[in-house]
Amino acid sequence: MAASDASNSPLSTQHFEEVLLSAVHSIEEAIVVTDFKDRLLFANRAFESMTGYRTAELMGEVLYRHILPREEWASMESRNETRQEGKSEWYDIELLRKGGGRRRVLSRGMALLDREDKPIGTVGVMTDVDRMHRLEGLRSYLENETRADYRPETIVGESPELKALLEQAKQVAPGDTTALIEGESGTGKELIAHSIHEWSKRSGRTLIKVNCAAIPQELFESEFFGHKKGAFTGAVSDKMGRFELAHKGTLFLDEVGELPLEQQGKLLRALQEGEIQRIGEDSVRKVDVRLIAATNRNLAEEVAAKRFREDLYYRLSVFPLQMPPLRKRVEDIPALAEHFIALSCQRLGRKGLGLLQPERTRLMAYSWPGNIRELQNVMERSVILSRGPHLSLHLDEAQQQAHNENPEERESEAPQLPSTLQELEALEKEIVLRALNEAGGRIYGDKGAAKSLGLKPSTLQSRLKKWGIEKSYS
C-alpha cells in the first residue's frame, strides 16, 4: 500500500506500519525480502520456524548460501537475475535447516517494486510442502468421511450409567492421556470419542478416525504412516498417513482389537517414539497426536489368549472407559427413540410423529442386542412405515417373536447363583483368574489382583496354591 493510502487510514502512520508488520508475521507462509544479490533484508517469523535461523543471524548475509544445498546456488543466482527484469516464478526446492535436516518447500520468487514499478529487490514466499499435503489430505478426508454431528450435546440420556460415563470422559478430556473405550457394538463408542476430543485442548484441530477392521494388512503402513511417490506399484504421488493428518489433533483408532499382531507392534513403536516413517523414505517424522482407541472385544481376555500384545494393551488402556449396553440404560430408551424419530422425520421430510405409551412400553421391554444402532435403525424403519400422527413400531419380527415367546431366555441374561459348593468354588476361581489376567499376573501393589479382589496378598497366594496354579503368576 502506498504512503498516501496509509494517510487516509483511521490509524496513524506509525500504528498502521505496526499493524502491517504484525500481519506479515502472522502469515503461516515464510516471507523473505532480499536485494538482487540475495542478501537478506527482512524475514517473518514463519521463516524462522521453517529454517531454524533467527532473522538477526542472517541479516545482510547471502541467503541461499545458508539455506540451500550447494548444487542449487547457481540456479538461485540465475533466478535473481530474471527478477531484475520484473519476472516471477514457482519452484519446488529443499531447504537446509540450521543444525541439520531438510524441508521441502514450494517457493515463489517475485520482484520487489518501488512506487514507479521499478525492481529494487526480491520477495520470496515459501510454503511447506508437507503442510500443503496435510491440508489436501484433511480436505479429502473430510469430503469422504460421512458422519453425524458428533457434538457432545447430542448425547441423549439421563441414566446413572450414562452420567457416570460422561463424568469420566470429562475428567480425562483436558489432558493428552490415552483413553480406551470398551463396549458392545452399537453402544456409541465413537460418539464418546468425539466428545472427549471436543472437550479437549485439541478441539480446534481435526479428529482423524481409523477403522482398524477395514484396513487390509498389506496397506496398513501406507494408511497409518503414508508413503513416498514411487515407493511401490500404484504410489503415484506422496501420501500422508493418518498419523500425520492427526498432527496436533486426535487420532481415533476404532475396532483396535481387530489389528493383527504384526501391525500391533508397528503401531506400538509409533506411539512410544512419537515418530513415523513413510514407506520409501529414509528419514523419520515427529508427530504429536492424542490417542483414543475403541473396541468391542475384551482386550484383557485377548491378551490372555495371546491374540493382543500385552505392551500395546497397557499403552492403550491408561484410562479405560466402559460403555454400558442399552439394556442397562432402560430409562434412556424413550428419549433416545424420540431423538431418532425426530432425526428421521427431518431427513425424510415428514411431520413429527408422537410416541404413545404402549409403544414406549414395548421399546423398554425389548432387550436391544444391537444396542443404540439397532434402536436407530428400528426408529427409521418405523417412521417410513407409519401412517398417521403417531409412530407405529416395527420391530424385527423374528427377534420380537423370540423375545415374546421365550421370557425365560430374558431371565437367563441375569447372573445365575451357584447351586452347589463345587459351583461356588469354580465361580470363585474364575473371578480370581480374571482379576489376575487384568492385573497382568501381578499379586502385590496398587495394581495387583489382591487389591482389586479385596484380599490380602498372602490369602490370594494360598488359594492359588490350593488350586495348584501358584507357579503361573508372579
Protein backbone atom coordinates (compact mmCIF):
# COMPACT_ATOMS: atom_id res chain seq x y z
CA MET A 1 0.00 0.00 0.00
CA ALA A 2 1.32 3.47 -0.91
CA ALA A 3 2.00 6.08 1.76
CA SER A 4 -0.91 8.22 0.53
CA ASP A 5 -3.25 5.26 1.07
CA ALA A 6 -1.96 4.82 4.61
CA SER A 7 -2.58 8.51 5.33
CA ASN A 8 -6.28 8.01 4.58
CA SER A 9 -6.45 5.21 7.17
CA PRO A 10 -8.01 5.97 10.58
CA LEU A 11 -4.73 4.62 12.02
CA SER A 12 -1.67 6.81 12.41
CA THR A 13 1.19 6.08 10.03
CA GLN A 14 3.25 4.53 12.83
CA HIS A 15 0.35 2.45 14.10
CA PHE A 16 -0.52 1.39 10.56
CA GLU A 17 3.03 0.17 9.96
CA GLU A 18 2.92 -1.78 13.25
CA VAL A 19 -0.36 -3.46 12.25
CA LEU A 20 1.01 -4.26 8.80
CA LEU A 21 4.19 -5.78 10.27
CA SER A 22 2.13 -7.81 12.75
CA ALA A 23 0.00 -9.13 9.88
CA VAL A 24 3.10 -10.21 7.93
CA HIS A 25 4.45 -12.05 10.98
CA SER A 26 1.07 -13.79 11.47
CA ILE A 27 1.11 -15.39 8.00
CA GLU A 28 1.91 -19.12 8.06
CA GLU A 29 3.95 -18.91 4.85
CA ALA A 30 7.58 -17.80 5.12
CA ILE A 31 8.25 -14.37 3.59
CA VAL A 32 11.75 -13.04 2.85
CA VAL A 33 12.95 -9.82 1.24
CA THR A 34 16.43 -9.67 -0.33
CA ASP A 35 18.40 -7.46 -2.68
CA PHE A 36 19.38 -8.73 -6.12
CA LYS A 37 22.45 -10.43 -4.68
CA ASP A 38 20.17 -12.40 -2.35
CA ARG A 39 21.35 -10.57 0.78
CA LEU A 40 18.65 -10.76 3.42
CA LEU A 41 16.79 -7.54 4.27
CA PHE A 42 13.72 -8.94 6.08
CA ALA A 43 12.13 -12.25 7.11
CA ASN A 44 8.97 -13.04 9.06
CA ARG A 45 8.56 -15.42 11.98
CA ALA A 46 7.35 -18.28 9.77
CA PHE A 47 10.74 -18.19 8.01
CA GLU A 48 12.49 -18.56 11.36
CA SER A 49 10.28 -21.53 12.26
CA MET A 50 10.81 -23.14 8.85
CA THR A 51 14.61 -22.81 8.76
CA GLY A 52 15.59 -22.75 12.44
CA TYR A 53 17.52 -19.48 11.94
CA ARG A 54 16.80 -16.20 13.70
CA THR A 55 16.49 -13.33 11.22
CA ALA A 56 19.25 -11.40 13.00
CA GLU A 57 21.70 -14.25 12.32
CA LEU A 58 21.32 -13.93 8.55
CA MET A 59 20.67 -10.20 8.14
CA GLY A 60 22.86 -8.91 5.28
CA GLU A 61 24.12 -12.43 4.52
CA VAL A 62 23.74 -14.11 1.11
CA LEU A 63 20.68 -16.15 1.98
CA TYR A 64 20.94 -19.09 -0.40
CA ARG A 65 24.44 -19.94 0.91
CA HIS A 66 22.87 -20.78 4.28
CA ILE A 67 19.54 -22.41 3.43
CA LEU A 68 20.05 -24.14 0.05
CA PRO A 69 22.25 -27.10 -0.96
CA ARG A 70 25.40 -26.03 -2.84
CA GLU A 71 24.13 -27.58 -6.07
CA GLU A 72 21.28 -25.07 -6.07
CA TRP A 73 23.40 -21.92 -5.72
CA ALA A 74 23.91 -21.37 -9.47
CA SER A 75 20.17 -21.74 -10.12
CA MET A 76 19.43 -19.20 -7.41
CA GLU A 77 21.82 -16.66 -8.92
CA SER A 78 20.08 -17.13 -12.26
CA ARG A 79 16.66 -16.61 -10.66
CA ASN A 80 17.82 -13.36 -9.05
CA GLU A 81 18.87 -12.11 -12.48
CA THR A 82 15.45 -12.81 -14.00
CA ARG A 83 13.73 -10.96 -11.14
CA GLN A 84 15.62 -7.79 -12.07
CA GLU A 85 13.51 -7.93 -15.22
CA GLY A 86 10.32 -7.98 -13.12
CA LYS A 87 9.59 -11.68 -13.67
CA SER A 88 8.33 -14.20 -11.09
CA GLU A 89 8.33 -17.98 -10.96
CA TRP A 90 7.32 -21.01 -8.85
CA TYR A 91 9.79 -23.73 -7.96
CA ASP A 92 9.98 -26.76 -5.65
CA ILE A 93 13.16 -26.93 -3.58
CA GLU A 94 14.68 -28.40 -0.41
CA LEU A 95 15.74 -26.08 2.41
CA LEU A 96 18.61 -26.88 4.74
CA ARG A 97 17.58 -26.35 8.35
CA LYS A 98 20.01 -24.98 10.89
CA GLY A 99 21.58 -27.86 12.79
CA GLY A 100 20.72 -30.44 10.10
CA GLY A 101 17.68 -31.78 8.36
CA ARG A 102 15.90 -30.81 5.16
CA ARG A 103 12.48 -29.46 4.39
CA ARG A 104 10.73 -29.39 1.02
CA VAL A 105 9.06 -26.10 0.16
CA LEU A 106 7.14 -24.67 -2.74
CA SER A 107 8.58 -21.21 -3.34
CA ARG A 108 7.65 -18.23 -5.45
CA GLY A 109 10.18 -15.50 -6.19
CA MET A 110 8.90 -12.09 -7.26
CA ALA A 111 10.44 -8.74 -8.00
CA LEU A 112 10.06 -6.09 -5.26
CA LEU A 113 8.89 -2.91 -6.98
CA ASP A 114 9.20 0.72 -5.90
CA ARG A 115 6.46 3.35 -6.37
CA GLU A 116 7.45 3.73 -10.01
CA ASP A 117 7.18 -0.06 -10.54
CA LYS A 118 10.93 -0.46 -10.92
CA PRO A 119 12.53 -3.66 -9.49
CA ILE A 120 14.61 -2.86 -6.40
CA GLY A 121 14.89 -6.32 -4.84
CA THR A 122 13.12 -9.66 -4.50
CA VAL A 123 10.31 -11.08 -2.38
CA GLY A 124 10.21 -14.81 -1.71
CA VAL A 125 7.19 -16.69 -0.39
CA MET A 126 7.74 -20.28 0.78
CA THR A 127 5.08 -22.84 1.69
CA ASP A 128 5.90 -26.08 3.49
CA VAL A 129 5.04 -28.93 1.08
CA ASP A 130 4.15 -31.27 3.97
CA ARG A 131 1.71 -28.68 5.29
CA MET A 132 0.13 -28.41 1.84
CA HIS A 133 -0.22 -32.19 1.69
CA ARG A 134 -1.69 -32.23 5.19
CA LEU A 135 -4.31 -29.65 4.19
CA GLU A 136 -5.07 -31.55 0.98
CA GLY A 137 -5.31 -34.80 2.93
CA LEU A 138 -7.62 -33.23 5.51
CA ARG A 139 -9.84 -31.84 2.79
CA SER A 140 -10.02 -35.24 1.10
CA TYR A 141 -10.64 -36.96 4.44
CA LEU A 142 -13.45 -34.59 5.39
CA GLU A 143 -15.05 -34.93 1.95
CA ASN A 144 -15.03 -38.73 2.19
CA GLU A 145 -15.90 -39.03 5.89
CA THR A 146 -19.68 -39.16 6.16
CA ARG A 147 -20.75 -38.98 9.76
CA ALA A 148 -23.39 -37.50 12.04
CA ASP A 149 -22.94 -34.35 14.07
CA TYR A 150 -20.86 -35.56 16.99
CA ARG A 151 -21.26 -32.60 19.30
CA PRO A 152 -21.33 -33.62 23.00
CA GLU A 153 -24.79 -32.09 23.43
CA THR A 154 -26.21 -34.70 21.03
CA ILE A 155 -25.67 -37.39 23.69
CA VAL A 156 -29.15 -38.34 24.88
CA GLY A 157 -29.98 -39.87 28.23
CA GLU A 158 -30.16 -39.28 31.99
CA SER A 159 -29.45 -42.77 33.34
CA PRO A 160 -26.90 -43.09 36.18
CA GLU A 161 -24.74 -45.31 33.96
CA LEU A 162 -24.53 -42.67 31.23
CA LYS A 163 -23.92 -39.82 33.68
CA ALA A 164 -21.06 -41.74 35.30
CA LEU A 165 -19.51 -42.42 31.89
CA LEU A 166 -19.74 -38.76 30.81
CA GLU A 167 -18.20 -37.63 34.08
CA GLN A 168 -15.23 -39.93 33.45
CA ALA A 169 -14.93 -38.68 29.86
CA LYS A 170 -14.87 -35.05 31.06
CA GLN A 171 -12.17 -35.91 33.59
CA VAL A 172 -9.83 -37.42 31.00
CA ALA A 173 -10.56 -34.95 28.18
CA PRO A 174 -8.41 -31.91 29.15
CA GLY A 175 -5.03 -33.68 29.07
CA ASP A 176 -3.36 -35.87 26.47
CA THR A 177 -3.95 -39.15 28.33
CA THR A 178 -4.71 -42.12 26.08
CA ALA A 179 -8.26 -43.40 26.56
CA LEU A 180 -9.60 -46.87 25.72
CA ILE A 181 -13.36 -47.14 25.19
CA GLU A 182 -14.65 -50.71 25.52
CA GLY A 183 -18.20 -51.88 24.95
CA GLU A 184 -20.54 -53.88 22.76
CA SER A 185 -21.11 -52.94 19.13
CA GLY A 186 -23.61 -50.15 18.64
CA THR A 187 -23.29 -48.59 22.10
CA GLY A 188 -21.95 -45.23 20.88
CA LYS A 189 -18.20 -45.54 21.43
CA GLU A 190 -17.42 -43.21 18.54
CA LEU A 191 -19.73 -40.55 19.95
CA ILE A 192 -17.86 -40.61 23.27
CA ALA A 193 -14.51 -40.39 21.43
CA HIS A 194 -15.68 -37.29 19.56
CA SER A 195 -16.95 -35.79 22.81
CA ILE A 196 -13.58 -36.29 24.52
CA HIS A 197 -11.95 -34.54 21.56
CA GLU A 198 -14.42 -31.63 21.71
CA TRP A 199 -13.82 -31.19 25.45
CA SER A 200 -10.03 -31.26 24.98
CA LYS A 201 -7.50 -28.52 24.25
CA ARG A 202 -7.14 -30.03 20.75
CA SER A 203 -10.75 -29.33 19.78
CA GLY A 204 -9.63 -26.69 17.27
CA ARG A 205 -7.86 -29.41 15.29
CA THR A 206 -9.29 -32.40 13.48
CA LEU A 207 -10.17 -35.79 14.93
CA ILE A 208 -8.99 -38.42 12.45
CA LYS A 209 -10.74 -41.78 12.60
CA VAL A 210 -9.21 -45.09 11.53
CA ASN A 211 -11.38 -48.19 11.32
CA CYS A 212 -8.73 -50.81 12.08
CA ALA A 213 -11.02 -53.64 10.98
CA ALA A 214 -11.34 -52.18 7.47
CA ILE A 215 -7.63 -51.79 6.61
CA PRO A 216 -6.12 -54.65 4.54
CA GLN A 217 -2.92 -55.96 6.10
CA GLU A 218 -0.82 -55.03 3.06
CA LEU A 219 -2.00 -51.39 3.23
CA PHE A 220 -1.52 -50.91 6.96
CA GLU A 221 1.75 -48.94 6.84
CA SER A 222 0.59 -46.75 3.96
CA GLU A 223 -2.69 -45.89 5.71
CA PHE A 224 -1.11 -45.21 9.11
CA PHE A 225 2.28 -43.75 8.15
CA GLY A 226 1.97 -42.68 4.48
CA HIS A 227 4.23 -43.33 1.52
CA LYS A 228 6.51 -41.57 -0.91
CA LYS A 229 5.80 -41.35 -4.62
CA GLY A 230 7.14 -44.43 -6.39
CA ALA A 231 7.60 -46.40 -3.17
CA PHE A 232 5.55 -49.26 -4.64
CA THR A 233 3.35 -50.01 -7.62
CA GLY A 234 0.39 -47.66 -7.50
CA ALA A 235 2.11 -45.00 -5.36
CA VAL A 236 1.63 -42.28 -7.98
CA SER A 237 2.06 -39.41 -5.52
CA ASP A 238 3.22 -38.67 -1.98
CA LYS A 239 0.61 -39.60 0.61
CA MET A 240 0.23 -38.60 4.23
CA GLY A 241 -0.79 -41.30 6.66
CA ARG A 242 -3.40 -40.90 9.37
CA PHE A 243 -0.77 -40.08 12.00
CA GLU A 244 0.38 -37.01 10.07
CA LEU A 245 -3.18 -35.95 9.28
CA ALA A 246 -3.90 -36.04 13.02
CA HIS A 247 -0.78 -33.99 13.91
CA LYS A 248 -1.64 -31.61 16.78
CA GLY A 249 -5.11 -33.21 16.87
CA THR A 250 -6.66 -36.52 17.92
CA LEU A 251 -6.29 -39.97 16.35
CA PHE A 252 -9.24 -42.29 16.98
CA LEU A 253 -8.50 -45.98 16.45
CA ASP A 254 -11.85 -47.72 16.15
CA GLU A 255 -12.01 -51.53 16.48
CA VAL A 256 -8.37 -51.58 17.55
CA GLY A 257 -8.79 -55.17 18.75
CA GLU A 258 -9.02 -56.31 15.11
CA LEU A 259 -5.41 -55.40 14.29
CA PRO A 260 -3.19 -58.41 13.51
CA LEU A 261 -0.24 -58.94 15.87
CA GLU A 262 2.36 -57.79 13.33
CA GLN A 263 0.61 -54.45 12.87
CA GLN A 264 0.19 -54.07 16.63
CA GLY A 265 3.98 -53.97 17.01
CA LYS A 266 4.35 -51.26 14.36
CA LEU A 267 1.60 -49.22 15.96
CA LEU A 268 3.20 -49.55 19.39
CA ARG A 269 6.56 -48.25 18.12
CA ALA A 270 4.92 -45.18 16.60
CA LEU A 271 3.04 -44.44 19.82
CA GLN A 272 6.07 -44.91 22.07
CA GLU A 273 8.52 -42.91 19.98
CA GLY A 274 6.17 -40.23 18.62
CA GLU A 275 7.77 -40.79 15.21
CA ILE A 276 6.66 -42.32 11.93
CA GLN A 277 8.44 -43.17 8.71
CA ARG A 278 6.73 -43.05 5.35
CA ILE A 279 7.22 -46.04 3.07
CA GLY A 280 10.10 -45.23 0.73
CA GLU A 281 11.67 -42.55 2.94
CA ASP A 282 14.86 -42.79 5.00
CA SER A 283 14.05 -40.00 7.44
CA VAL A 284 11.59 -40.11 10.34
CA ARG A 285 8.91 -37.52 11.08
CA LYS A 286 7.85 -36.31 14.50
CA VAL A 287 4.11 -36.42 15.16
CA ASP A 288 2.10 -35.04 18.04
CA VAL A 289 -1.22 -36.88 18.40
CA ARG A 290 -3.63 -37.58 21.24
CA LEU A 291 -4.83 -41.18 21.01
CA ILE A 292 -8.29 -42.57 21.71
CA ALA A 293 -9.00 -46.24 20.97
CA ALA A 294 -12.20 -48.26 20.98
CA THR A 295 -13.06 -51.95 20.76
CA ASN A 296 -15.99 -54.30 21.22
CA ARG A 297 -13.61 -57.02 22.42
CA ASN A 298 -12.40 -57.64 25.95
CA LEU A 299 -8.74 -56.82 25.38
CA ALA A 300 -7.64 -58.28 28.73
CA GLU A 301 -9.02 -61.64 27.59
CA GLU A 302 -7.41 -61.15 24.15
CA VAL A 303 -4.06 -60.58 25.89
CA ALA A 304 -4.50 -63.75 27.95
CA ALA A 305 -5.28 -65.66 24.75
CA LYS A 306 -2.12 -64.22 23.07
CA ARG A 307 -4.19 -62.50 20.38
CA PHE A 308 -3.30 -58.97 21.52
CA ARG A 309 0.07 -57.62 22.64
CA GLU A 310 0.25 -57.02 26.36
CA ASP A 311 2.54 -53.99 25.99
CA LEU A 312 0.18 -52.35 23.50
CA TYR A 313 -2.79 -53.09 25.76
CA TYR A 314 -1.16 -51.27 28.68
CA ARG A 315 -0.18 -48.41 26.34
CA LEU A 316 -3.81 -48.02 25.21
CA SER A 317 -5.63 -48.61 28.50
CA VAL A 318 -4.15 -45.76 30.53
CA PHE A 319 -7.70 -44.52 31.15
CA PRO A 320 -10.32 -47.21 30.38
CA LEU A 321 -13.96 -46.29 29.79
CA GLN A 322 -16.72 -48.92 29.74
CA MET A 323 -19.75 -48.24 27.54
CA PRO A 324 -22.96 -49.54 29.12
CA PRO A 325 -25.20 -51.59 26.78
CA LEU A 326 -28.65 -50.20 26.08
CA ARG A 327 -30.35 -52.93 28.14
CA LYS A 328 -28.66 -51.38 31.21
CA ARG A 329 -29.97 -47.92 30.27
CA VAL A 330 -33.65 -48.81 30.03
CA GLU A 331 -34.80 -45.40 31.30
CA ASP A 332 -32.94 -43.73 28.39
CA ILE A 333 -34.73 -45.72 25.67
CA PRO A 334 -37.83 -43.46 25.24
CA ALA A 335 -35.72 -40.29 24.99
CA LEU A 336 -33.35 -41.93 22.50
CA ALA A 337 -36.30 -43.21 20.47
CA GLU A 338 -37.85 -39.74 20.29
CA HIS A 339 -34.47 -38.29 19.30
CA PHE A 340 -34.11 -40.74 16.40
CA ILE A 341 -37.75 -40.26 15.36
CA ALA A 342 -37.16 -36.51 15.09
CA LEU A 343 -33.97 -37.01 13.07
CA SER A 344 -35.66 -39.47 10.70
CA CYS A 345 -38.68 -37.21 10.20
CA GLN A 346 -36.40 -34.29 9.41
CA ARG A 347 -34.32 -36.33 6.98
CA LEU A 348 -37.39 -37.79 5.26
CA GLY A 349 -39.29 -34.50 5.16
CA ARG A 350 -42.14 -35.75 7.36
CA LYS A 351 -44.09 -34.08 10.13
CA GLY A 352 -43.16 -35.11 13.63
CA LEU A 353 -44.61 -38.36 14.96
CA GLY A 354 -45.79 -38.92 18.52
CA LEU A 355 -44.69 -41.90 20.60
CA LEU A 356 -47.59 -43.38 22.54
CA GLN A 357 -47.23 -45.15 25.89
CA PRO A 358 -47.90 -48.70 24.56
CA GLU A 359 -45.05 -48.27 22.10
CA ARG A 360 -42.79 -46.90 24.83
CA THR A 361 -43.54 -49.98 26.92
CA ARG A 362 -42.68 -52.30 24.01
CA LEU A 363 -39.41 -50.45 23.42
CA MET A 364 -38.40 -50.71 27.07
CA ALA A 365 -39.34 -54.41 27.26
CA TYR A 366 -37.13 -55.33 24.28
CA SER A 367 -33.51 -56.38 25.05
CA TRP A 368 -31.84 -54.48 22.12
CA PRO A 369 -28.96 -56.86 21.30
CA GLY A 370 -27.80 -54.37 18.66
CA ASN A 371 -27.87 -51.52 21.21
CA ILE A 372 -28.32 -47.89 20.12
CA ARG A 373 -27.52 -48.62 16.48
CA GLU A 374 -30.35 -51.15 16.34
CA LEU A 375 -32.72 -48.68 18.04
CA GLN A 376 -31.85 -46.01 15.48
CA ASN A 377 -32.48 -48.39 12.57
CA VAL A 378 -35.81 -49.55 14.05
CA MET A 379 -36.95 -45.94 14.51
CA GLU A 380 -36.10 -45.01 10.93
CA ARG A 381 -37.89 -48.10 9.58
CA SER A 382 -40.90 -47.35 11.78
CA VAL A 383 -41.05 -43.71 10.61
CA ILE A 384 -41.06 -44.86 6.99
CA LEU A 385 -43.85 -47.41 7.60
CA SER A 386 -46.01 -45.30 9.93
CA ARG A 387 -49.26 -43.75 8.76
CA GLY A 388 -50.96 -41.08 10.81
CA PRO A 389 -49.75 -38.74 13.57
CA HIS A 390 -48.27 -41.43 15.84
CA LEU A 391 -45.41 -43.86 15.39
CA SER A 392 -46.29 -47.43 14.51
CA LEU A 393 -43.48 -49.52 15.96
CA HIS A 394 -41.95 -52.12 13.62
CA LEU A 395 -39.51 -54.32 15.48
CA ASP A 396 -37.76 -57.15 13.67
CA GLU A 397 -40.47 -59.83 13.62
CA ALA A 398 -38.18 -62.83 14.22
CA GLN A 399 -36.42 -61.18 17.14
CA GLN A 400 -39.64 -59.84 18.62
CA GLN A 401 -41.33 -63.23 18.39
CA ALA A 402 -38.41 -64.96 20.11
CA HIS A 403 -38.40 -62.24 22.75
CA ASN A 404 -42.14 -62.62 23.41
CA GLU A 405 -42.26 -66.41 23.34
CA ASN A 406 -39.17 -67.11 25.48
CA PRO A 407 -39.30 -64.96 28.61
CA GLU A 408 -37.06 -67.49 30.34
CA GLU A 409 -34.25 -66.55 27.93
CA ARG A 410 -34.54 -62.92 29.02
CA GLU A 411 -34.32 -64.02 32.62
CA SER A 412 -31.22 -66.04 31.81
CA GLU A 413 -29.43 -62.78 30.93
CA ALA A 414 -29.20 -62.14 34.69
CA PRO A 415 -26.29 -63.84 36.53
CA GLN A 416 -27.25 -67.29 37.90
CA LEU A 417 -26.34 -68.11 41.50
CA PRO A 418 -24.32 -71.31 42.04
CA SER A 419 -26.38 -74.12 43.50
CA THR A 420 -23.54 -76.28 44.93
CA LEU A 421 -20.31 -75.66 46.83
CA GLN A 422 -18.36 -77.02 43.86
CA GLU A 423 -20.01 -74.47 41.57
CA LEU A 424 -19.29 -71.74 44.11
CA GLU A 425 -15.59 -72.65 44.18
CA ALA A 426 -15.48 -72.76 40.36
CA LEU A 427 -17.02 -69.28 40.25
CA GLU A 428 -14.51 -68.03 42.84
CA LYS A 429 -11.64 -69.44 40.78
CA GLU A 430 -12.99 -67.81 37.62
CA ILE A 431 -13.20 -64.41 39.36
CA VAL A 432 -9.65 -64.72 40.72
CA LEU A 433 -8.17 -65.73 37.35
CA ARG A 434 -9.98 -62.87 35.61
CA ALA A 435 -8.54 -60.43 38.16
CA LEU A 436 -5.05 -61.85 37.63
CA ASN A 437 -5.35 -61.52 33.87
CA GLU A 438 -6.48 -57.91 34.19
CA ALA A 439 -3.58 -57.22 36.56
CA GLY A 440 -1.08 -58.75 34.14
CA GLY A 441 -0.25 -61.53 36.62
CA ARG A 442 0.64 -59.15 39.45
CA ILE A 443 -0.49 -60.01 43.00
CA TYR A 444 1.01 -57.19 45.08
CA GLY A 445 0.72 -53.41 44.79
CA ASP A 446 -1.99 -50.90 43.93
CA LYS A 447 -2.49 -52.51 40.52
CA GLY A 448 -2.24 -56.06 41.80
CA ALA A 449 -5.02 -58.62 41.75
CA ALA A 450 -5.16 -58.90 45.56
CA LYS A 451 -6.20 -55.28 45.99
CA SER A 452 -8.86 -55.45 43.24
CA LEU A 453 -10.31 -58.58 44.88
CA GLY A 454 -10.24 -57.08 48.37
CA LEU A 455 -7.92 -59.84 49.65
CA LYS A 456 -4.60 -59.91 51.43
CA PRO A 457 -1.80 -60.98 49.04
CA SER A 458 -0.99 -63.90 51.35
CA THR A 459 -4.62 -65.05 51.22
CA LEU A 460 -4.66 -64.89 47.43
CA GLN A 461 -1.38 -66.83 47.24
CA SER A 462 -2.72 -69.58 49.50
CA ARG A 463 -5.78 -70.00 47.29
CA LEU A 464 -3.64 -70.17 44.17
CA LYS A 465 -1.51 -72.81 45.89
CA LYS A 466 -4.63 -74.75 46.79
CA TRP A 467 -5.68 -74.78 43.14
CA GLY A 468 -2.17 -75.78 42.05
CA ILE A 469 -1.51 -72.71 39.92
CA GLU A 470 0.83 -70.76 42.18
CA LYS A 471 3.63 -71.02 39.61
CA SER A 472 1.61 -69.47 36.82
CA TYR A 473 1.80 -65.94 38.17
CA SER A 474 4.40 -63.70 39.76
